[in-house]
N, C-alpha and C. Protein backbone atom coordinates (compact mmCIF):
# COMPACT_ATOMS: atom_id res chain seq x y z
N MET A 1 -4.33 -66.46 49.45
CA MET A 1 -4.17 -65.50 50.50
C MET A 1 -5.66 -65.37 51.20
N HIS A 2 -5.74 -65.29 52.51
CA HIS A 2 -7.33 -65.34 52.89
C HIS A 2 -7.77 -64.19 52.77
N ASN A 3 -8.68 -63.95 53.08
CA ASN A 3 -9.73 -62.99 52.91
C ASN A 3 -9.64 -62.02 53.79
N THR A 4 -9.59 -62.66 55.13
CA THR A 4 -9.02 -61.28 56.03
C THR A 4 -8.04 -60.59 55.64
N THR A 5 -6.75 -61.14 55.25
CA THR A 5 -5.79 -60.87 54.98
C THR A 5 -5.35 -59.57 53.49
N ARG A 6 -6.56 -60.04 52.62
CA ARG A 6 -6.89 -59.51 51.38
C ARG A 6 -7.97 -58.26 51.87
N LEU A 7 -8.42 -58.46 52.77
CA LEU A 7 -9.48 -56.95 53.16
C LEU A 7 -8.73 -56.16 53.71
N ALA A 8 -7.59 -56.75 54.68
CA ALA A 8 -6.63 -55.62 55.43
C ALA A 8 -5.50 -55.13 54.55
N ALA A 9 -5.42 -55.84 53.68
CA ALA A 9 -4.88 -55.02 52.39
C ALA A 9 -5.30 -54.18 51.44
N PHE A 10 -6.71 -54.54 51.18
CA PHE A 10 -7.66 -53.47 50.63
C PHE A 10 -7.53 -51.96 51.59
N ALA A 11 -7.86 -52.40 52.88
CA ALA A 11 -8.30 -51.13 53.42
C ALA A 11 -6.86 -50.05 53.63
N PHE A 12 -5.89 -50.99 54.18
CA PHE A 12 -4.80 -50.31 54.25
C PHE A 12 -4.32 -49.40 53.14
N ALA A 13 -4.45 -49.84 51.64
CA ALA A 13 -4.44 -49.58 50.02
C ALA A 13 -5.14 -48.31 50.14
N ILE A 14 -6.21 -48.45 50.51
CA ILE A 14 -7.62 -47.25 50.39
C ILE A 14 -6.62 -46.52 51.47
N LEU A 15 -6.16 -46.49 52.25
CA LEU A 15 -5.69 -45.06 53.66
C LEU A 15 -4.63 -44.67 52.44
N ALA A 16 -3.62 -45.65 52.21
CA ALA A 16 -2.58 -44.98 51.39
C ALA A 16 -2.76 -44.21 50.50
N ILE A 17 -3.60 -44.46 49.65
CA ILE A 17 -4.05 -43.54 48.43
C ILE A 17 -4.91 -42.18 49.02
N TYR A 18 -5.78 -42.06 50.35
CA TYR A 18 -6.20 -41.11 50.37
C TYR A 18 -4.65 -40.27 51.28
N LEU A 19 -4.15 -40.96 51.98
CA LEU A 19 -3.08 -39.90 52.36
C LEU A 19 -2.03 -39.51 51.58
N ALA A 20 -1.65 -39.72 50.31
CA ALA A 20 -1.11 -39.68 49.45
C ALA A 20 -1.77 -38.63 48.96
N ALA A 21 -2.86 -38.58 48.38
CA ALA A 21 -3.48 -37.25 47.58
C ALA A 21 -3.59 -36.37 48.78
N ARG A 22 -3.74 -36.43 50.00
CA ARG A 22 -3.43 -35.32 51.11
C ARG A 22 -2.06 -34.53 51.09
N CYS A 23 -1.12 -35.96 50.88
CA CYS A 23 0.21 -35.04 51.38
C CYS A 23 0.74 -34.66 49.49
N GLY A 24 -0.10 -34.90 48.47
CA GLY A 24 0.86 -34.71 47.29
C GLY A 24 1.63 -34.71 46.76
N ASP A 25 2.18 -36.01 47.40
CA ASP A 25 3.34 -36.20 47.12
C ASP A 25 3.59 -36.56 45.85
N LEU A 26 4.08 -35.22 44.99
CA LEU A 26 4.25 -35.47 43.18
C LEU A 26 5.70 -35.69 42.55
N LEU A 27 5.30 -36.49 41.56
CA LEU A 27 6.96 -37.11 40.94
C LEU A 27 7.42 -36.51 40.15
N GLY A 28 7.77 -34.95 40.33
CA GLY A 28 8.67 -34.10 39.45
C GLY A 28 8.18 -34.22 38.37
N GLY A 29 6.90 -33.86 37.92
CA GLY A 29 6.37 -33.42 36.45
C GLY A 29 5.89 -35.05 36.24
N LYS A 30 6.53 -36.59 36.71
CA LYS A 30 6.02 -37.15 35.93
C LYS A 30 4.46 -37.73 36.05
N LYS A 31 4.00 -38.34 35.42
CA LYS A 31 2.80 -38.77 35.30
C LYS A 31 2.88 -40.25 35.12
N ILE A 32 2.22 -41.06 36.54
CA ILE A 32 2.08 -42.73 36.28
C ILE A 32 1.15 -42.65 35.02
N THR A 33 1.20 -44.00 34.86
CA THR A 33 0.26 -44.26 33.64
C THR A 33 -0.13 -45.81 33.88
N LYS A 34 -0.91 -46.38 33.59
CA LYS A 34 -1.92 -47.60 33.64
C LYS A 34 -0.93 -48.47 33.70
N ALA A 35 -0.46 -48.74 32.05
CA ALA A 35 0.66 -49.44 31.52
C ALA A 35 1.87 -49.41 32.90
N GLU A 36 2.28 -48.71 33.16
CA GLU A 36 3.37 -48.86 34.54
C GLU A 36 2.51 -49.53 35.73
N TYR A 37 1.56 -49.06 36.27
CA TYR A 37 0.77 -49.90 36.85
C TYR A 37 0.82 -51.75 36.64
N ASP A 38 0.09 -51.58 35.47
CA ASP A 38 -0.16 -53.10 35.09
C ASP A 38 0.96 -53.84 35.22
N SER A 39 1.96 -53.09 35.23
CA SER A 39 3.66 -54.23 35.10
C SER A 39 3.92 -54.35 36.13
N LEU A 40 3.23 -53.85 37.65
CA LEU A 40 3.54 -54.36 38.26
C LEU A 40 2.93 -55.63 38.98
N ARG A 41 3.86 -56.45 39.49
CA ARG A 41 3.30 -57.86 39.76
C ARG A 41 3.97 -58.29 40.87
N GLU A 42 3.04 -59.17 41.88
CA GLU A 42 3.51 -59.61 42.93
C GLU A 42 4.52 -60.41 43.10
N GLY A 43 5.00 -60.19 44.19
CA GLY A 43 6.76 -60.40 44.79
C GLY A 43 7.68 -59.54 43.91
N MET A 44 7.29 -58.50 43.37
CA MET A 44 8.20 -57.67 43.12
C MET A 44 9.00 -57.05 44.43
N THR A 45 10.48 -56.45 44.16
CA THR A 45 10.65 -55.46 45.23
C THR A 45 10.29 -53.85 45.40
N TYR A 46 10.73 -53.55 45.96
CA TYR A 46 10.37 -52.04 46.24
C TYR A 46 11.23 -51.28 45.42
N ALA A 47 12.37 -51.84 45.24
CA ALA A 47 13.43 -51.24 44.13
C ALA A 47 12.89 -51.57 42.64
N GLU A 48 11.99 -52.31 42.69
CA GLU A 48 11.54 -52.46 40.87
C GLU A 48 10.21 -52.08 40.91
N VAL A 49 9.53 -51.26 41.98
CA VAL A 49 8.64 -50.84 41.52
C VAL A 49 8.89 -49.55 41.80
N ALA A 50 10.09 -48.84 42.14
CA ALA A 50 9.98 -47.36 41.72
C ALA A 50 11.08 -47.43 40.42
N LYS A 51 11.27 -48.27 40.33
CA LYS A 51 12.32 -48.35 39.11
C LYS A 51 11.07 -48.12 37.66
N ILE A 52 9.95 -48.93 37.88
CA ILE A 52 8.77 -48.68 36.93
C ILE A 52 8.26 -47.17 37.04
N LEU A 53 8.19 -46.75 38.23
CA LEU A 53 6.97 -45.72 38.14
C LEU A 53 8.07 -44.74 38.50
N GLY A 54 8.75 -44.82 38.26
CA GLY A 54 10.13 -43.64 37.77
C GLY A 54 10.18 -42.66 39.08
N SER A 55 9.89 -43.39 40.33
CA SER A 55 10.79 -42.33 41.38
C SER A 55 10.42 -43.08 42.54
N GLU A 56 11.05 -42.71 43.59
CA GLU A 56 10.69 -43.09 45.36
C GLU A 56 9.66 -42.98 45.88
N GLY A 57 8.82 -43.70 46.44
CA GLY A 57 7.59 -44.02 46.69
C GLY A 57 7.69 -43.15 48.56
N THR A 58 6.62 -42.52 48.86
CA THR A 58 6.51 -42.09 50.02
C THR A 58 5.77 -42.86 50.77
N GLU A 59 6.18 -43.53 52.23
CA GLU A 59 6.47 -44.49 53.21
C GLU A 59 5.07 -44.03 53.54
N VAL A 60 3.78 -44.45 53.35
CA VAL A 60 2.75 -44.29 54.19
C VAL A 60 2.35 -44.64 55.89
N THR A 61 3.00 -46.04 56.19
CA THR A 61 2.67 -46.85 57.02
C THR A 61 4.02 -47.77 57.09
N SER A 62 4.03 -48.19 58.39
CA SER A 62 4.79 -49.50 58.45
C SER A 62 4.07 -50.58 60.23
N SER A 63 4.63 -51.77 59.67
CA SER A 63 4.18 -52.19 60.99
C SER A 63 4.81 -53.50 61.15
N ALA A 64 4.74 -54.44 61.90
CA ALA A 64 5.27 -55.31 61.86
C ALA A 64 3.81 -56.31 62.07
N ALA A 65 3.73 -57.51 61.38
CA ALA A 65 2.51 -58.29 61.06
C ALA A 65 2.30 -59.19 62.73
N VAL A 66 1.36 -59.58 63.40
CA VAL A 66 1.24 -60.28 64.16
C VAL A 66 1.72 -61.27 63.73
N PRO A 67 2.82 -62.44 64.38
CA PRO A 67 2.66 -63.51 64.42
C PRO A 67 1.73 -64.51 64.01
N GLY A 68 1.77 -65.10 62.95
CA GLY A 68 0.50 -66.22 62.22
C GLY A 68 -0.36 -65.49 61.86
N ARG A 69 -0.22 -64.41 61.87
CA ARG A 69 -1.33 -63.21 61.06
C ARG A 69 -0.56 -62.68 59.60
N LEU A 70 -0.89 -62.92 58.32
CA LEU A 70 -0.76 -62.00 57.43
C LEU A 70 0.85 -62.48 57.05
N GLY A 71 1.00 -64.07 57.02
CA GLY A 71 2.42 -64.61 57.08
C GLY A 71 3.61 -63.54 57.85
N GLY A 72 2.86 -63.08 59.09
CA GLY A 72 4.41 -62.20 59.95
C GLY A 72 5.20 -62.07 59.25
N GLY A 73 6.22 -61.18 59.99
CA GLY A 73 7.30 -59.89 59.01
C GLY A 73 6.57 -58.45 59.13
N THR A 74 6.84 -58.10 58.52
CA THR A 74 6.63 -56.36 57.96
C THR A 74 6.05 -56.48 57.08
N ILE A 75 5.20 -55.31 57.45
CA ILE A 75 4.20 -54.57 56.21
C ILE A 75 4.65 -53.49 56.05
N LYS A 76 4.85 -52.93 55.11
CA LYS A 76 4.71 -51.72 54.58
C LYS A 76 3.91 -50.99 53.19
N ILE A 77 3.78 -49.92 53.44
CA ILE A 77 2.77 -49.11 52.39
C ILE A 77 3.18 -48.05 51.31
N TYR A 78 3.48 -47.74 50.04
CA TYR A 78 4.24 -46.92 49.96
C TYR A 78 2.97 -46.31 48.98
N SER A 79 2.93 -44.98 48.75
CA SER A 79 2.52 -44.36 47.66
C SER A 79 3.16 -43.16 46.92
N TRP A 80 2.67 -43.45 45.59
CA TRP A 80 3.32 -42.25 44.59
C TRP A 80 1.67 -41.36 43.84
N THR A 81 2.07 -40.26 43.98
CA THR A 81 1.25 -39.16 43.41
C THR A 81 1.60 -38.67 41.94
N SER A 82 0.88 -38.46 41.19
CA SER A 82 0.97 -37.92 39.53
C SER A 82 0.67 -36.75 39.33
N PRO A 83 0.83 -35.51 39.02
CA PRO A 83 0.60 -34.08 38.88
C PRO A 83 -1.25 -34.23 38.42
N ASP A 84 -1.11 -35.22 37.78
CA ASP A 84 -2.74 -35.07 37.81
C ASP A 84 -3.64 -35.67 38.36
N SER A 85 -2.75 -35.93 39.90
CA SER A 85 -3.41 -36.07 41.01
C SER A 85 -3.96 -37.96 40.75
N ALA A 86 -3.78 -38.89 40.11
CA ALA A 86 -3.75 -39.70 40.02
C ALA A 86 -2.33 -40.67 40.91
N SER A 87 -2.74 -41.64 41.92
CA SER A 87 -2.24 -42.09 42.36
C SER A 87 -2.51 -43.86 42.22
N VAL A 88 -1.34 -43.70 42.83
CA VAL A 88 -0.63 -45.56 43.16
C VAL A 88 -0.48 -46.09 44.43
N SER A 89 -0.56 -46.85 45.47
CA SER A 89 -0.43 -47.57 46.12
C SER A 89 0.14 -49.21 46.31
N VAL A 90 1.00 -49.21 46.98
CA VAL A 90 1.56 -50.80 47.07
C VAL A 90 1.54 -50.87 48.30
N THR A 91 1.24 -52.08 49.08
CA THR A 91 2.16 -53.03 50.11
C THR A 91 3.05 -53.90 49.67
N PHE A 92 3.95 -53.53 50.71
CA PHE A 92 4.80 -54.75 50.66
C PHE A 92 4.56 -55.63 51.83
N GLN A 93 4.88 -56.91 51.78
CA GLN A 93 5.39 -57.31 52.95
C GLN A 93 6.29 -58.27 53.11
N ASN A 94 7.51 -58.59 54.00
CA ASN A 94 8.77 -58.76 54.01
C ASN A 94 9.41 -58.38 52.76
N GLY A 95 9.10 -56.92 52.25
CA GLY A 95 10.25 -56.57 51.13
C GLY A 95 9.85 -57.43 49.68
N LYS A 96 8.31 -57.71 49.55
CA LYS A 96 7.78 -58.14 48.15
C LYS A 96 6.14 -57.64 48.00
N LEU A 97 5.79 -57.24 46.74
CA LEU A 97 4.43 -56.57 47.22
C LEU A 97 3.82 -57.81 47.14
N MET A 98 2.66 -57.57 47.89
CA MET A 98 1.34 -57.95 48.39
C MET A 98 0.66 -57.79 47.44
N SER A 99 0.23 -56.40 47.45
CA SER A 99 -1.12 -55.78 46.76
C SER A 99 -0.94 -54.62 46.18
N LYS A 100 -1.75 -54.07 45.43
CA LYS A 100 -1.39 -52.87 45.10
C LYS A 100 -2.86 -52.04 44.17
N SER A 101 -3.30 -50.72 44.49
CA SER A 101 -4.17 -50.42 44.33
C SER A 101 -3.77 -49.27 43.72
N HIS A 102 -4.69 -48.36 42.98
CA HIS A 102 -5.07 -47.51 42.03
C HIS A 102 -5.85 -46.18 42.14
N PHE A 103 -5.73 -44.92 41.98
CA PHE A 103 -7.07 -44.23 41.69
C PHE A 103 -6.59 -42.70 40.72
N GLY A 104 -8.15 -42.99 39.67
CA GLY A 104 -7.64 -41.89 38.61
C GLY A 104 -6.52 -42.50 37.52
N LEU A 105 -5.91 -43.70 37.17
CA LEU A 105 -5.07 -43.78 36.80
C LEU A 105 -6.49 -44.11 35.01
N GLN A 106 -5.35 -43.43 33.82
CA GLN A 106 -6.31 -43.68 32.54
C GLN A 106 -5.27 -44.50 31.14
């Protein structure tokens, strides 16, 4: 992945974490663990990620990538926030996990 792509994914992830925290998307009392986060791997589908994290995520943003940039296709960012305010943000490109980030997981 190019540095520009990684930087864009990182910026989207930070935005997603911020928005998830503001929206208060709680997982019905389920705490997200660091072990669950660590088991998320590049190339996983949304369904695989949601199963590991124990619930559906909140779609924060979706956009069509510019052809020739970021590999083309669609980019979607989902977030999950647990009751302890820890959050996970996952970026999918063409339905596959491209990057992930977290805040407050222990």
